[in-house]
């Protein structure tokens, strides 16, 4: 079959040009984003100087031999290298040209971000007096706590001058103990908060009940607490009697007497604080005890009547 006279198909030039323009636009946007990020890194960690590999690597070598403060400068250099070099080149520069392990490099960069942040930058020189190892150990502490330490306050109950004289092991132990106490304190606060929430819920339930139900609930609560307190008091009196009658030492006997004095004083203080007057000459029977007394007296009345 002859193709003579058939026109060739036109090239899809317009479609190709559109794809080309879209790719260029995407590449341009990506390049702009990378450039902006590089400028931001240069502004923050490079003092506004454009990135230059040879210069930054040279600075990194210089700061490697210096103090803890220089370690932060080294961290700044590493951040700039990482943000401006491909991943493989960054690893090669750090491990081969600078001889720094990947983990150590990451810790230095983290330290630079931490201690050269706006909250701590002005305190970095003071904190650097602690040395590199201690700076690393303090990285998990809050910025405001570190700022207070640098300004003459304490962290975990330790002043900066005292922290300088401590070994790294001693500081780690002190920080661990402080965190342990803080965790325990948080648990106590949470427990108290839960108890308060429960009491508030119970109080709300009582408010929603009728007056009669509320009265019954209050009387029952008072009865339970009074009997519980009386039971504890009787146990204490029995223990006091035992100690006074056969004290192990004079101090033990004194402690027994002081225990009673303390308890009585607490009761008196509580009454005075609430404006409650107690007449010790008058024997009082609680309202909730009346049904029990009536029940106990009934058999006696029956025997008399017989």
C-alpha atoms as a PDB file:
ATOM      1  CA  UNK A   1       0.000   0.000   0.000  1.00  0.00           C
ATOM      2  CA  UNK A   2       1.541   3.318  -1.078  1.00  0.00           C
ATOM      3  CA  UNK A   3       2.165   6.221   1.363  1.00  0.00           C
ATOM      4  CA  UNK A   4       2.620   8.664  -1.532  1.00  0.00           C
ATOM      5  CA  UNK A   5       0.770  11.910  -0.979  1.00  0.00           C
ATOM      6  CA  UNK A   6       0.402  11.392   2.861  1.00  0.00           C
ATOM      7  CA  UNK A   7       1.713  14.310   4.987  1.00  0.00           C
ATOM      8  CA  UNK A   8       4.117  13.489   7.821  1.00  0.00           C
ATOM      9  CA  UNK A   9       2.788  13.832  11.421  1.00  0.00           C
ATOM     10  CA  UNK A  10       3.742  17.163  13.020  1.00  0.00           C
ATOM     11  CA  UNK A  11       6.203  17.158  15.968  1.00  0.00           C
ATOM     12  CA  UNK A  12       4.540  17.841  19.381  1.00  0.00           C
ATOM     13  CA  UNK A  13       6.735  20.893  19.858  1.00  0.00           C
ATOM     14  CA  UNK A  14       4.282  22.850  22.002  1.00  0.00           C
ATOM     15  CA  UNK A  15       3.887  20.011  24.512  1.00  0.00           C
ATOM     16  CA  UNK A  16       7.657  19.503  24.749  1.00  0.00           C
ATOM     17  CA  UNK A  17       8.248  23.205  25.318  1.00  0.00           C
ATOM     18  CA  UNK A  18       5.646  23.272  28.102  1.00  0.00           C
ATOM     19  CA  UNK A  19       7.272  20.348  29.924  1.00  0.00           C
ATOM     20  CA  UNK A  20      10.648  22.012  29.532  1.00  0.00           C
ATOM     21  CA  UNK A  21       9.373  25.265  31.017  1.00  0.00           C
ATOM     22  CA  UNK A  22       7.734  23.423  33.928  1.00  0.00           C
ATOM     23  CA  UNK A  23      10.960  21.563  34.706  1.00  0.00           C
ATOM     24  CA  UNK A  24      12.933  24.803  34.587  1.00  0.00           C
ATOM     25  CA  UNK A  25      10.434  26.457  36.921  1.00  0.00           C
ATOM     26  CA  UNK A  26      10.636  23.544  39.380  1.00  0.00           C
ATOM     27  CA  UNK A  27      14.439  23.569  39.264  1.00  0.00           C
ATOM     28  CA  UNK A  28      14.477  27.320  39.763  1.00  0.00           C
ATOM     29  CA  UNK A  29      12.151  27.092  42.771  1.00  0.00           C
ATOM     30  CA  UNK A  30      14.257  24.336  44.318  1.00  0.00           C
ATOM     31  CA  UNK A  31      17.433  26.327  43.724  1.00  0.00           C
ATOM     32  CA  UNK A  32      15.856  29.425  45.278  1.00  0.00           C
ATOM     33  CA  UNK A  33      14.836  27.433  48.352  1.00  0.00           C
ATOM     34  CA  UNK A  34      18.339  25.976  48.730  1.00  0.00           C
ATOM     35  CA  UNK A  35      19.875  29.428  48.279  1.00  0.00           C
ATOM     36  CA  UNK A  36      17.590  30.964  50.882  1.00  0.00           C
ATOM     37  CA  UNK A  37      18.391  28.183  53.327  1.00  0.00           C
ATOM     38  CA  UNK A  38      22.113  28.618  52.668  1.00  0.00           C
ATOM     39  CA  UNK A  39      21.812  32.369  53.286  1.00  0.00           C
ATOM     40  CA  UNK A  40      19.935  31.758  56.534  1.00  0.00           C
ATOM     41  CA  UNK A  41      22.581  29.274  57.707  1.00  0.00           C
ATOM     42  CA  UNK A  42      25.337  31.742  56.754  1.00  0.00           C
ATOM     43  CA  UNK A  43      23.573  34.528  58.628  1.00  0.00           C
ATOM     44  CA  UNK A  44      23.033  32.492  61.772  1.00  0.00           C
ATOM     45  CA  UNK A  45      26.131  30.325  61.925  1.00  0.00           C
ATOM     46  CA  UNK A  46      28.566  32.035  59.548  1.00  0.00           C
ATOM     47  CA  UNK A  47      28.297  35.614  60.774  1.00  0.00           C
ATOM     48  CA  UNK A  48      26.789  36.562  57.405  1.00  0.00           C
ATOM     49  CA  UNK A  49      29.823  35.457  55.381  1.00  0.00           C
ATOM     50  CA  UNK A  50      29.003  33.395  52.247  1.00  0.00           C
ATOM     51  CA  UNK A  51      29.914  29.729  52.472  1.00  0.00           C
ATOM     52  CA  UNK A  52      33.337  28.675  51.213  1.00  0.00           C
ATOM     53  CA  UNK A  53      34.371  25.083  51.745  1.00  0.00           C
ATOM     54  CA  UNK A  54      38.127  25.648  52.101  1.00  0.00           C
ATOM     55  CA  UNK A  55      37.679  28.543  54.516  1.00  0.00           C
ATOM     56  CA  UNK A  56      35.155  26.755  56.726  1.00  0.00           C
ATOM     57  CA  UNK A  57      37.156  23.508  56.821  1.00  0.00           C
ATOM     58  CA  UNK A  58      40.211  25.549  57.832  1.00  0.00           C
ATOM     59  CA  UNK A  59      38.267  27.217  60.621  1.00  0.00           C
ATOM     60  CA  UNK A  60      36.988  23.836  61.763  1.00  0.00           C
ATOM     61  CA  UNK A  61      40.565  22.506  62.064  1.00  0.00           C
ATOM     62  CA  UNK A  62      41.529  25.577  64.108  1.00  0.00           C
ATOM     63  CA  UNK A  63      38.647  25.274  66.553  1.00  0.00           C
ATOM     64  CA  UNK A  64      39.203  21.537  67.026  1.00  0.00           C
ATOM     65  CA  UNK A  65      42.317  22.314  69.053  1.00  0.00           C
ATOM     66  CA  UNK A  66      40.694  24.944  71.267  1.00  0.00           C
ATOM     67  CA  UNK A  67      38.448  25.036  74.327  1.00  0.00           C
ATOM     68  CA  UNK A  68      34.791  24.292  75.026  1.00  0.00           C
ATOM     69  CA  UNK A  69      33.847  27.695  73.660  1.00  0.00           C
ATOM     70  CA  UNK A  70      35.708  26.841  70.484  1.00  0.00           C
ATOM     71  CA  UNK A  71      33.804  23.542  70.377  1.00  0.00           C
ATOM     72  CA  UNK A  72      30.671  25.599  69.859  1.00  0.00           C
ATOM     73  CA  UNK A  73      32.400  27.455  67.032  1.00  0.00           C
ATOM     74  CA  UNK A  74      33.355  24.105  65.560  1.00  0.00           C
ATOM     75  CA  UNK A  75      29.709  23.088  65.804  1.00  0.00           C
ATOM     76  CA  UNK A  76      28.780  26.201  63.825  1.00  0.00           C
ATOM     77  CA  UNK A  77      31.281  25.226  61.134  1.00  0.00           C
ATOM     78  CA  UNK A  78      29.879  21.715  60.943  1.00  0.00           C
ATOM     79  CA  UNK A  79      26.345  23.062  60.594  1.00  0.00           C
ATOM     80  CA  UNK A  80      27.411  25.223  57.668  1.00  0.00           C
ATOM     81  CA  UNK A  81      29.221  22.331  55.996  1.00  0.00           C
ATOM     82  CA  UNK A  82      26.232  20.039  56.452  1.00  0.00           C
ATOM     83  CA  UNK A  83      23.756  22.556  55.065  1.00  0.00           C
ATOM     84  CA  UNK A  84      25.839  23.413  52.019  1.00  0.00           C
ATOM     85  CA  UNK A  85      27.407  20.082  51.005  1.00  0.00           C
ATOM     86  CA  UNK A  86      25.806  16.906  49.662  1.00  0.00           C
ATOM     87  CA  UNK A  87      25.414  14.221  52.317  1.00  0.00           C
ATOM     88  CA  UNK A  88      28.267  12.092  51.015  1.00  0.00           C
ATOM     89  CA  UNK A  89      30.640  15.080  50.816  1.00  0.00           C
ATOM     90  CA  UNK A  90      29.688  16.179  54.335  1.00  0.00           C
ATOM     91  CA  UNK A  91      30.471  12.747  55.741  1.00  0.00           C
ATOM     92  CA  UNK A  92      33.765  12.618  53.829  1.00  0.00           C
ATOM     93  CA  UNK A  93      34.815  16.081  55.036  1.00  0.00           C
ATOM     94  CA  UNK A  94      33.929  15.355  58.661  1.00  0.00           C
ATOM     95  CA  UNK A  95      35.433  11.890  58.908  1.00  0.00           C
ATOM     96  CA  UNK A  96      38.406  12.135  56.531  1.00  0.00           C
ATOM     97  CA  UNK A  97      39.445  15.786  56.374  1.00  0.00           C
ATOM     98  CA  UNK A  98      38.572  16.668  59.974  1.00  0.00           C
ATOM     99  CA  UNK A  99      38.866  13.230  61.547  1.00  0.00           C
ATOM    100  CA  UNK A 100      35.654  13.613  63.563  1.00  0.00           C
ATOM    101  CA  UNK A 101      33.299  10.713  64.188  1.00  0.00           C
ATOM    102  CA  UNK A 102      29.747  11.114  62.926  1.00  0.00           C
ATOM    103  CA  UNK A 103      28.293  10.910  66.447  1.00  0.00           C
ATOM    104  CA  UNK A 104      30.723  13.490  67.823  1.00  0.00           C
ATOM    105  CA  UNK A 105      29.966  15.829  64.939  1.00  0.00           C
ATOM    106  CA  UNK A 106      26.249  15.529  65.606  1.00  0.00           C
ATOM    107  CA  UNK A 107      26.749  16.292  69.309  1.00  0.00           C
ATOM    108  CA  UNK A 108      28.790  19.393  68.481  1.00  0.00           C
ATOM    109  CA  UNK A 109      26.147  20.648  66.071  1.00  0.00           C
ATOM    110  CA  UNK A 110      23.433  20.020  68.655  1.00  0.00           C
ATOM    111  CA  UNK A 111      25.500  21.889  71.252  1.00  0.00           C
ATOM    112  CA  UNK A 112      25.908  24.862  68.911  1.00  0.00           C
ATOM    113  CA  UNK A 113      22.179  24.988  68.248  1.00  0.00           C
ATOM    114  CA  UNK A 114      21.498  24.727  72.004  1.00  0.00           C
ATOM    115  CA  UNK A 115      24.017  27.142  73.501  1.00  0.00           C
ATOM    116  CA  UNK A 116      24.070  29.662  70.656  1.00  0.00           C
ATOM    117  CA  UNK A 117      20.299  29.988  70.562  1.00  0.00           C
ATOM    118  CA  UNK A 118      18.839  33.449  71.252  1.00  0.00           C
ATOM    119  CA  UNK A 119      18.019  32.403  74.825  1.00  0.00           C
ATOM    120  CA  UNK A 120      21.591  31.345  75.684  1.00  0.00           C
ATOM    121  CA  UNK A 121      23.951  33.042  73.216  1.00  0.00           C
ATOM    122  CA  UNK A 122      24.853  35.791  75.689  1.00  0.00           C
ATOM    123  CA  UNK A 123      25.588  33.168  78.360  1.00  0.00           C
ATOM    124  CA  UNK A 124      27.615  30.802  76.138  1.00  0.00           C
ATOM    125  CA  UNK A 125      31.017  32.166  77.196  1.00  0.00           C
ATOM    126  CA  UNK A 126      30.170  31.777  80.890  1.00  0.00           C
ATOM    127  CA  UNK A 127      28.765  28.283  80.465  1.00  0.00           C
ATOM    128  CA  UNK A 128      31.764  27.258  78.348  1.00  0.00           C
ATOM    129  CA  UNK A 129      33.933  27.532  81.460  1.00  0.00           C
ATOM    130  CA  UNK A 130      32.450  24.186  82.500  1.00  0.00           C
ATOM    131  CA  UNK A 131      34.189  22.353  79.657  1.00  0.00           C
ATOM    132  CA  UNK A 132      32.941  20.313  76.721  1.00  0.00           C
ATOM    133  CA  UNK A 133      31.879  17.174  78.593  1.00  0.00           C
ATOM    134  CA  UNK A 134      29.765  19.094  81.093  1.00  0.00           C
ATOM    135  CA  UNK A 135      28.187  21.183  78.352  1.00  0.00           C
ATOM    136  CA  UNK A 136      27.126  17.978  76.643  1.00  0.00           C
ATOM    137  CA  UNK A 137      25.654  16.651  79.919  1.00  0.00           C
ATOM    138  CA  UNK A 138      23.664  19.860  80.430  1.00  0.00           C
ATOM    139  CA  UNK A 139      22.114  19.898  76.958  1.00  0.00           C
ATOM    140  CA  UNK A 140      18.867  18.295  78.180  1.00  0.00           C
ATOM    141  CA  UNK A 141      18.300  21.061  80.746  1.00  0.00           C
ATOM    142  CA  UNK A 142      15.833  23.857  80.008  1.00  0.00           C
ATOM    143  CA  UNK A 143      17.202  27.080  78.509  1.00  0.00           C
ATOM    144  CA  UNK A 144      15.795  29.170  81.357  1.00  0.00           C
ATOM    145  CA  UNK A 145      17.484  26.947  83.952  1.00  0.00           C
ATOM    146  CA  UNK A 146      20.852  27.250  82.184  1.00  0.00           C
ATOM    147  CA  UNK A 147      20.438  31.016  81.870  1.00  0.00           C
ATOM    148  CA  UNK A 148      19.710  31.239  85.596  1.00  0.00           C
ATOM    149  CA  UNK A 149      22.815  29.156  86.334  1.00  0.00           C
ATOM    150  CA  UNK A 150      24.991  31.483  84.246  1.00  0.00           C
ATOM    151  CA  UNK A 151      23.525  34.514  86.030  1.00  0.00           C
ATOM    152  CA  UNK A 152      24.511  33.251  89.485  1.00  0.00           C
ATOM    153  CA  UNK A 153      21.624  30.953  90.273  1.00  0.00           C
ATOM    154  CA  UNK A 154      21.635  27.203  90.733  1.00  0.00           C
ATOM    155  CA  UNK A 155      20.782  24.151  88.677  1.00  0.00           C
ATOM    156  CA  UNK A 156      19.872  20.991  90.577  1.00  0.00           C
ATOM    157  CA  UNK A 157      20.876  22.947  93.680  1.00  0.00           C
ATOM    158  CA  UNK A 158      24.432  23.504  92.382  1.00  0.00           C
ATOM    159  CA  UNK A 159      26.043  26.870  91.655  1.00  0.00           C
ATOM    160  CA  UNK A 160      28.261  27.406  88.616  1.00  0.00           C
ATOM    161  CA  UNK A 161      31.487  27.726  90.648  1.00  0.00           C
ATOM    162  CA  UNK A 162      30.732  24.484  92.468  1.00  0.00           C
ATOM    163  CA  UNK A 163      29.887  22.809  89.176  1.00  0.00           C
ATOM    164  CA  UNK A 164      33.294  23.812  87.800  1.00  0.00           C
ATOM    165  CA  UNK A 165      35.077  21.936  90.600  1.00  0.00           C
ATOM    166  CA  UNK A 166      33.014  18.771  90.191  1.00  0.00           C
ATOM    167  CA  UNK A 167      34.157  15.890  88.057  1.00  0.00           C
ATOM    168  CA  UNK A 168      32.052  14.917  85.066  1.00  0.00           C
ATOM    169  CA  UNK A 169      30.942  11.779  86.913  1.00  0.00           C
ATOM    170  CA  UNK A 170      29.925  13.789  89.988  1.00  0.00           C
ATOM    171  CA  UNK A 171      27.916  16.213  87.874  1.00  0.00           C
ATOM    172  CA  UNK A 172      26.148  13.398  86.051  1.00  0.00           C
ATOM    173  CA  UNK A 173      25.258  11.759  89.370  1.00  0.00           C
ATOM    174  CA  UNK A 174      23.947  15.053  90.773  1.00  0.00           C
ATOM    175  CA  UNK A 175      21.832  15.710  87.680  1.00  0.00           C
ATOM    176  CA  UNK A 176      20.454  12.159  87.741  1.00  0.00           C
ATOM    177  CA  UNK A 177      19.534  12.510  91.422  1.00  0.00           C
ATOM    178  CA  UNK A 178      17.865  15.875  90.777  1.00  0.00           C
ATOM    179  CA  UNK A 179      15.821  14.415  87.909  1.00  0.00           C
ATOM    180  CA  UNK A 180      14.849  11.470  90.123  1.00  0.00           C
ATOM    181  CA  UNK A 181      13.613  13.813  92.861  1.00  0.00           C
ATOM    182  CA  UNK A 182      11.779  15.942  90.307  1.00  0.00           C
ATOM    183  CA  UNK A 183      10.049  12.869  88.883  1.00  0.00           C
ATOM    184  CA  UNK A 184       9.047  11.771  92.389  1.00  0.00           C
ATOM    185  CA  UNK A 185       7.720  15.264  93.138  1.00  0.00           C
ATOM    186  CA  UNK A 186       5.729  15.265  89.898  1.00  0.00           C
ATOM    187  CA  UNK A 187       4.191  11.918  90.829  1.00  0.00           C
ATOM    188  CA  UNK A 188       3.193  13.255  94.256  1.00  0.00           C
ATOM    189  CA  UNK A 189       1.650  16.345  92.661  1.00  0.00           C
ATOM    190  CA  UNK A 190      -0.230  14.187  90.162  1.00  0.00           C
ATOM    191  CA  UNK A 191      -1.457  11.943  92.974  1.00  0.00           C
ATOM    192  CA  UNK A 192      -2.637  14.924  95.027  1.00  0.00           C
ATOM    193  CA  UNK A 193      -4.281  16.421  91.967  1.00  0.00           C
ATOM    194  CA  UNK A 194      -6.111  13.157  91.317  1.00  0.00           C
ATOM    195  CA  UNK A 195      -7.294  13.053  94.933  1.00  0.00           C
ATOM    196  CA  UNK A 196      -8.468  16.666  94.753  1.00  0.00           C
ATOM    197  CA  UNK A 197     -10.305  15.928  91.518  1.00  0.00           C
ATOM    198  CA  UNK A 198     -11.982  12.965  93.173  1.00  0.00           C
ATOM    199  CA  UNK A 199     -12.976  15.053  96.185  1.00  0.00           C
ATOM    200  CA  UNK A 200     -14.382  17.739  93.890  1.00  0.00           C
ATOM    201  CA  UNK A 201     -16.383  15.123  92.004  1.00  0.00           C
ATOM    202  CA  UNK A 202     -17.714  13.720  95.254  1.00  0.00           C
ATOM    203  CA  UNK A 203     -18.551  17.226  96.452  1.00  0.00           C
ATOM    204  CA  UNK A 204     -20.387  17.916  93.193  1.00  0.00           C
ATOM    205  CA  UNK A 205     -22.316  14.671  93.604  1.00  0.00           C
ATOM    206  CA  UNK A 206     -23.279  15.652  97.118  1.00  0.00           C
ATOM    207  CA  UNK A 207     -24.430  19.090  95.961  1.00  0.00           C
ATOM    208  CA  UNK A 208     -26.661  17.505  93.358  1.00  0.00           C
ATOM    209  CA  UNK A 209     -28.295  15.227  95.912  1.00  0.00           C
ATOM    210  CA  UNK A 210     -31.314  16.254  97.996  1.00  0.00           C
ATOM    211  CA  UNK A 211     -30.795  17.906 101.360  1.00  0.00           C
ATOM    212  CA  UNK A 212     -31.726  14.707 103.148  1.00  0.00           C
ATOM    213  CA  UNK A 213     -29.313  12.646 101.095  1.00  0.00           C
ATOM    214  CA  UNK A 214     -26.618  15.260 101.563  1.00  0.00           C
ATOM    215  CA  UNK A 215     -27.141  15.232 105.321  1.00  0.00           C
ATOM    216  CA  UNK A 216     -26.980  11.454 105.441  1.00  0.00           C
ATOM    217  CA  UNK A 217     -23.800  11.448 103.366  1.00  0.00           C
ATOM    218  CA  UNK A 218     -22.143  14.092 105.542  1.00  0.00           C
ATOM    219  CA  UNK A 219     -23.110  12.365 108.783  1.00  0.00           C
ATOM    220  CA  UNK A 220     -21.863   9.028 107.459  1.00  0.00           C
ATOM    221  CA  UNK A 221     -18.562  10.571 106.383  1.00  0.00           C
ATOM    222  CA  UNK A 222     -18.120  12.212 109.786  1.00  0.00           C
ATOM    223  CA  UNK A 223     -18.988   8.944 111.530  1.00  0.00           C
ATOM    224  CA  UNK A 224     -16.475   6.987 109.490  1.00  0.00           C
ATOM    225  CA  UNK A 225     -13.675   9.523 109.952  1.00  0.00           C
ATOM    226  CA  UNK A 226     -14.370   9.925 113.673  1.00  0.00           C
ATOM    227  CA  UNK A 227     -14.323   6.190 114.325  1.00  0.00           C
ATOM    228  CA  UNK A 228     -11.185   5.829 112.206  1.00  0.00           C
ATOM    229  CA  UNK A 229      -9.472   8.608 114.160  1.00  0.00           C
ATOM    230  CA  UNK A 230     -10.607   7.074 117.456  1.00  0.00           C
ATOM    231  CA  UNK A 231      -9.226   3.704 116.406  1.00  0.00           C
ATOM    232  CA  UNK A 232      -5.870   5.276 115.532  1.00  0.00           C
ATOM    233  CA  UNK A 233      -5.881   7.171 118.837  1.00  0.00           C
ATOM    234  CA  UNK A 234      -6.506   3.988 120.821  1.00  0.00           C
ATOM    235  CA  UNK A 235      -3.670   2.250 119.001  1.00  0.00           C
ATOM    236  CA  UNK A 236      -1.383   5.204 119.721  1.00  0.00           C
ATOM    237  CA  UNK A 237      -2.362   5.222 123.411  1.00  0.00           C
ATOM    238  CA  UNK A 238      -1.669   1.507 123.660  1.00  0.00           C
ATOM    239  CA  UNK A 239       1.749   2.008 122.082  1.00  0.00           C
ATOM    240  CA  UNK A 240       2.488   4.976 124.366  1.00  0.00           C
ATOM    241  CA  UNK A 241       1.502   2.924 127.440  1.00  0.00           C
ATOM    242  CA  UNK A 242       3.765   0.113 126.322  1.00  0.00           C
ATOM    243  CA  UNK A 243       6.750   2.424 125.811  1.00  0.00           C
ATOM    244  CA  UNK A 244       6.234   4.364 129.051  1.00  0.00           C
ATOM    245  CA  UNK A 245       5.855   1.172 131.090  1.00  0.00           C
ATOM    246  CA  UNK A 246       8.955  -0.420 129.554  1.00  0.00           C
ATOM    247  CA  UNK A 247      10.996   2.212 127.713  1.00  0.00           C
ATOM    248  CA  UNK A 248      13.991   0.985 125.752  1.00  0.00           C
ATOM    249  CA  UNK A 249      15.736   4.267 126.470  1.00  0.00           C
ATOM    250  CA  UNK A 250      14.960   7.591 128.083  1.00  0.00           C
ATOM    251  CA  UNK A 251      14.684   9.078 124.601  1.00  0.00           C
ATOM    252  CA  UNK A 252      12.022   6.518 123.665  1.00  0.00           C
ATOM    253  CA  UNK A 253       9.920   7.441 126.702  1.00  0.00           C
ATOM    254  CA  UNK A 254      10.295  11.132 125.884  1.00  0.00           C
ATOM    255  CA  UNK A 255       9.237  10.432 122.296  1.00  0.00           C
ATOM    256  CA  UNK A 256       6.099   8.646 123.535  1.00  0.00           C
ATOM    257  CA  UNK A 257       5.056  11.639 125.638  1.00  0.00           C
ATOM    258  CA  UNK A 258       5.887  14.091 122.854  1.00  0.00           C
ATOM    259  CA  UNK A 259       3.775  12.074 120.415  1.00  0.00           C
ATOM    260  CA  UNK A 260       0.693  12.620 122.569  1.00  0.00           C
ATOM    261  CA  UNK A 261       1.563  16.272 123.160  1.00  0.00           C
ATOM    262  CA  UNK A 262       1.931  16.804 119.417  1.00  0.00           C
ATOM    263  CA  UNK A 263      -1.402  15.162 118.612  1.00  0.00           C
ATOM    264  CA  UNK A 264      -3.293  17.136 121.272  1.00  0.00           C
ATOM    265  CA  UNK A 265      -1.665  20.366 120.103  1.00  0.00           C
ATOM    266  CA  UNK A 266      -2.720  19.664 116.515  1.00  0.00           C
ATOM    267  CA  UNK A 267      -6.326  19.136 117.620  1.00  0.00           C
ATOM    268  CA  UNK A 268      -6.305  22.315 119.720  1.00  0.00           C
ATOM    269  CA  UNK A 269      -4.701  24.333 116.912  1.00  0.00           C
ATOM    270  CA  UNK A 270      -7.280  23.019 114.455  1.00  0.00           C
ATOM    271  CA  UNK A 271     -10.156  24.003 116.746  1.00  0.00           C
ATOM    272  CA  UNK A 272      -8.740  27.471 117.382  1.00  0.00           C
ATOM    273  CA  UNK A 273      -8.141  28.095 113.686  1.00  0.00           C
ATOM    274  CA  UNK A 274     -11.805  27.271 112.981  1.00  0.00           C
ATOM    275  CA  UNK A 275     -13.212  29.172 115.957  1.00  0.00           C
ATOM    276  CA  UNK A 276     -14.499  25.967 117.546  1.00  0.00           C
ATOM    277  CA  UNK A 277     -14.813  25.998 121.342  1.00  0.00           C
ATOM    278  CA  UNK A 278     -14.421  22.674 123.114  1.00  0.00           C
ATOM    279  CA  UNK A 279     -15.881  22.231 126.612  1.00  0.00           C
ATOM    280  CA  UNK A 280     -13.918  19.357 128.106  1.00  0.00           C
ATOM    281  CA  UNK A 281     -16.172  19.290 131.173  1.00  0.00           C
ATOM    282  CA  UNK A 282     -19.175  18.338 129.060  1.00  0.00           C
ATOM    283  CA  UNK A 283     -19.254  14.823 127.672  1.00  0.00           C
ATOM    284  CA  UNK A 284     -20.532  14.882 124.101  1.00  0.00           C
ATOM    285  CA  UNK A 285     -22.195  12.078 122.181  1.00  0.00           C
ATOM    286  CA  UNK A 286     -22.205  12.505 118.390  1.00  0.00           C
ATOM    287  CA  UNK A 287     -25.572  12.590 116.624  1.00  0.00           C
ATOM    288  CA  UNK A 288     -24.676   9.506 114.613  1.00  0.00           C
ATOM    289  CA  UNK A 289     -24.016   7.582 117.851  1.00  0.00           C
ATOM    290  CA  UNK A 290     -27.573   8.072 119.210  1.00  0.00           C
ATOM    291  CA  UNK A 291     -29.168   5.170 117.285  1.00  0.00           C
ATOM    292  CA  UNK A 292     -26.435   2.879 118.576  1.00  0.00           C
ATOM    293  CA  UNK A 293     -26.923   4.089 122.151  1.00  0.00           C
ATOM    294  CA  UNK A 294     -30.698   3.655 121.908  1.00  0.00           C
ATOM    295  CA  UNK A 295     -30.255   0.145 120.570  1.00  0.00           C
ATOM    296  CA  UNK A 296     -27.847  -0.712 123.382  1.00  0.00           C
ATOM    297  CA  UNK A 297     -30.187   0.760 126.036  1.00  0.00           C
ATOM    298  CA  UNK A 298     -33.310  -1.092 124.818  1.00  0.00           C
ATOM    299  CA  UNK A 299     -32.394  -4.512 126.334  1.00  0.00           C
ATOM    300  CA  UNK A 300     -31.648  -2.851 129.664  1.00  0.00           C
ATOM    301  CA  UNK A 301     -35.050  -1.146 129.731  1.00  0.00           C
ATOM    302  CA  UNK A 302     -36.690  -4.439 128.874  1.00  0.00           C
ATOM    303  CA  UNK A 303     -35.022  -6.201 131.785  1.00  0.00           C
ATOM    304  CA  UNK A 304     -36.092  -3.451 134.192  1.00  0.00           C
ATOM    305  CA  UNK A 305     -39.689  -3.667 133.009  1.00  0.00           C
ATOM    306  CA  UNK A 306     -39.680  -7.458 133.533  1.00  0.00           C
END
